[in-house]
C-alpha atoms as a PDB file:
ATOM      1  CA  MET A   1       2.046  19.765  -7.420  1.00  0.00           C
ATOM      2  CA  SER A   2       2.895  17.503  -4.504  1.00  0.00           C
ATOM      3  CA  THR A   3       6.536  16.914  -3.584  1.00  0.00           C
ATOM      4  CA  GLU A   4       5.728  13.516  -2.123  1.00  0.00           C
ATOM      5  CA  SER A   5       6.625  10.380  -4.000  1.00  0.00           C
ATOM      6  CA  CYS A   6       5.335   6.811  -3.892  1.00  0.00           C
ATOM      7  CA  LEU A   7       6.188   5.177  -0.578  1.00  0.00           C
ATOM      8  CA  ILE A   8       7.956   2.373  -2.412  1.00  0.00           C
ATOM      9  CA  GLY A   9      11.586   3.414  -2.621  1.00  0.00           C
ATOM     10  CA  GLY A  10      12.829   4.317  -6.060  1.00  0.00           C
ATOM     11  CA  CYS A  11       9.361   4.746  -7.608  1.00  0.00           C
ATOM     12  CA  THR A  12       8.921   8.071  -9.349  1.00  0.00           C
ATOM     13  CA  GLU A  13       5.358   7.633 -10.645  1.00  0.00           C
ATOM     14  CA  GLN A  14       2.606  10.137  -9.839  1.00  0.00           C
ATOM     15  CA  LEU A  15       0.714   9.540  -6.606  1.00  0.00           C
ATOM     16  CA  TYR A  16      -2.633   7.795  -7.030  1.00  0.00           C
ATOM     17  CA  ALA A  17      -4.116   6.628  -3.746  1.00  0.00           C
ATOM     18  CA  PRO A  18      -3.493   6.596   0.012  1.00  0.00           C
ATOM     19  CA  ALA A  19      -1.926   3.625   1.668  1.00  0.00           C
ATOM     20  CA  GLY A  20      -2.056   4.219   5.379  1.00  0.00           C
ATOM     21  CA  THR A  21      -0.754   7.728   6.069  1.00  0.00           C
ATOM     22  CA  GLN A  22       1.398   7.744   2.905  1.00  0.00           C
ATOM     23  CA  SER A  23       0.540   7.395  -0.773  1.00  0.00           C
ATOM     24  CA  VAL A  24       1.381   5.059  -3.630  1.00  0.00           C
ATOM     25  CA  CYS A  25       1.305   5.229  -7.426  1.00  0.00           C
ATOM     26  CA  LYS A  26      -1.430   3.470  -9.392  1.00  0.00           C
ATOM     27  CA  GLU A  27       0.668   0.390 -10.173  1.00  0.00           C
ATOM     28  CA  HIS A  28       1.681  -0.151  -6.550  1.00  0.00           C
ATOM     29  CA  PHE A  29      -1.895   0.531  -5.373  1.00  0.00           C
ATOM     30  CA  LEU A  30      -3.211  -2.253  -7.573  1.00  0.00           C
ATOM     31  CA  LEU A  31      -0.451  -4.568  -6.339  1.00  0.00           C
ATOM     32  CA  PHE A  32      -1.449  -3.659  -2.737  1.00  0.00           C
ATOM     33  CA  LEU A  33      -5.109  -4.487  -3.403  1.00  0.00           C
ATOM     34  CA  THR A  34      -4.101  -7.844  -4.934  1.00  0.00           C
ATOM     35  CA  TRP A  35      -1.866  -8.633  -1.951  1.00  0.00           C
ATOM     36  CA  ARG A  36      -4.601  -7.785   0.537  1.00  0.00           C
ATOM     37  CA  LYS A  37      -7.074 -10.013  -1.333  1.00  0.00           C
ATOM     38  CA  LYS A  38      -4.636 -12.943  -1.318  1.00  0.00           C
ATOM     39  CA  LYS A  39      -3.794 -12.343   2.333  1.00  0.00           C
ATOM     40  CA  GLY A  40      -7.345 -12.561   3.620  1.00  0.00           C
ATOM     41  CA  GLY A  41     -10.002 -12.188   0.953  1.00  0.00           C
ATOM     42  CA  LEU A  42     -13.136 -10.156   1.649  1.00  0.00           C
ATOM     43  CA  GLY A  43     -12.556 -10.403   5.400  1.00  0.00           C
ATOM     44  CA  MET A  44      -9.276  -8.500   5.000  1.00  0.00           C
ATOM     45  CA  PHE A  45     -10.995  -5.745   3.030  1.00  0.00           C
ATOM     46  CA  LYS A  46     -13.616  -5.332   5.727  1.00  0.00           C
ATOM     47  CA  LYS A  47     -10.997  -5.400   8.483  1.00  0.00           C
ATOM     48  CA  TYR A  48      -8.820  -2.836   6.660  1.00  0.00           C
ATOM     49  CA  SER A  49     -11.705  -0.440   6.090  1.00  0.00           C
ATOM     50  CA  ALA A  50     -12.489  -0.422   9.843  1.00  0.00           C
ATOM     51  CA  MET A  51      -8.844   0.298  10.858  1.00  0.00           C
ATOM     52  CA  THR A  52      -7.436   3.671  11.828  1.00  0.00           C
ATOM     53  CA  MET A  53      -4.684   5.167   9.682  1.00  0.00           C
ATOM     54  CA  ASP A  54      -2.034   4.181  12.252  1.00  0.00           C
ATOM     55  CA  GLU A  55      -3.278   0.565  12.188  1.00  0.00           C
ATOM     56  CA  ARG A  56      -3.261   0.614   8.391  1.00  0.00           C
ATOM     57  CA  ASP A  57       0.352   1.760   8.430  1.00  0.00           C
ATOM     58  CA  THR A  58       1.315  -1.586   9.950  1.00  0.00           C
ATOM     59  CA  ILE A  59      -0.394  -3.526   7.148  1.00  0.00           C
ATOM     60  CA  VAL A  60       1.109  -1.270   4.486  1.00  0.00           C
ATOM     61  CA  GLU A  61       4.568  -1.648   6.023  1.00  0.00           C
ATOM     62  CA  GLU A  62       4.237  -5.427   5.919  1.00  0.00           C
ATOM     63  CA  TRP A  63       3.188  -5.285   2.254  1.00  0.00           C
ATOM     64  CA  GLY A  64       5.996  -2.828   1.470  1.00  0.00           C
ATOM     65  CA  HIS A  65       8.583  -5.342   2.633  1.00  0.00           C
ATOM     66  CA  THR A  66       7.179  -7.925   0.190  1.00  0.00           C
ATOM     67  CA  VAL A  67       7.349  -5.495  -2.712  1.00  0.00           C
ATOM     68  CA  GLN A  68      10.923  -4.459  -1.960  1.00  0.00           C
ATOM     69  CA  HIS A  69      12.018  -8.077  -1.702  1.00  0.00           C
ATOM     70  CA  THR A  70      10.348  -9.160  -4.951  1.00  0.00           C
ATOM     71  CA  THR A  71      11.532  -6.178  -7.048  1.00  0.00           C
ATOM     72  CA  ALA A  72      15.108  -6.097  -5.766  1.00  0.00           C
END
């Protein structure tokens, strides 16, 4: 079993999918997909899929700040 936890601080759910070089639980993964869709629609999905993991980390970090601010 993995010792890693969801990259969103305080979340203890089981890891579900990668987000950049880290991983998130299923609930946060779905929130991330929704945020990406609102941020740029289909173009954002295409852009994200062509990014390297390091480039994705920047996008995930930006999203992570929005999650922490809305759940705090």
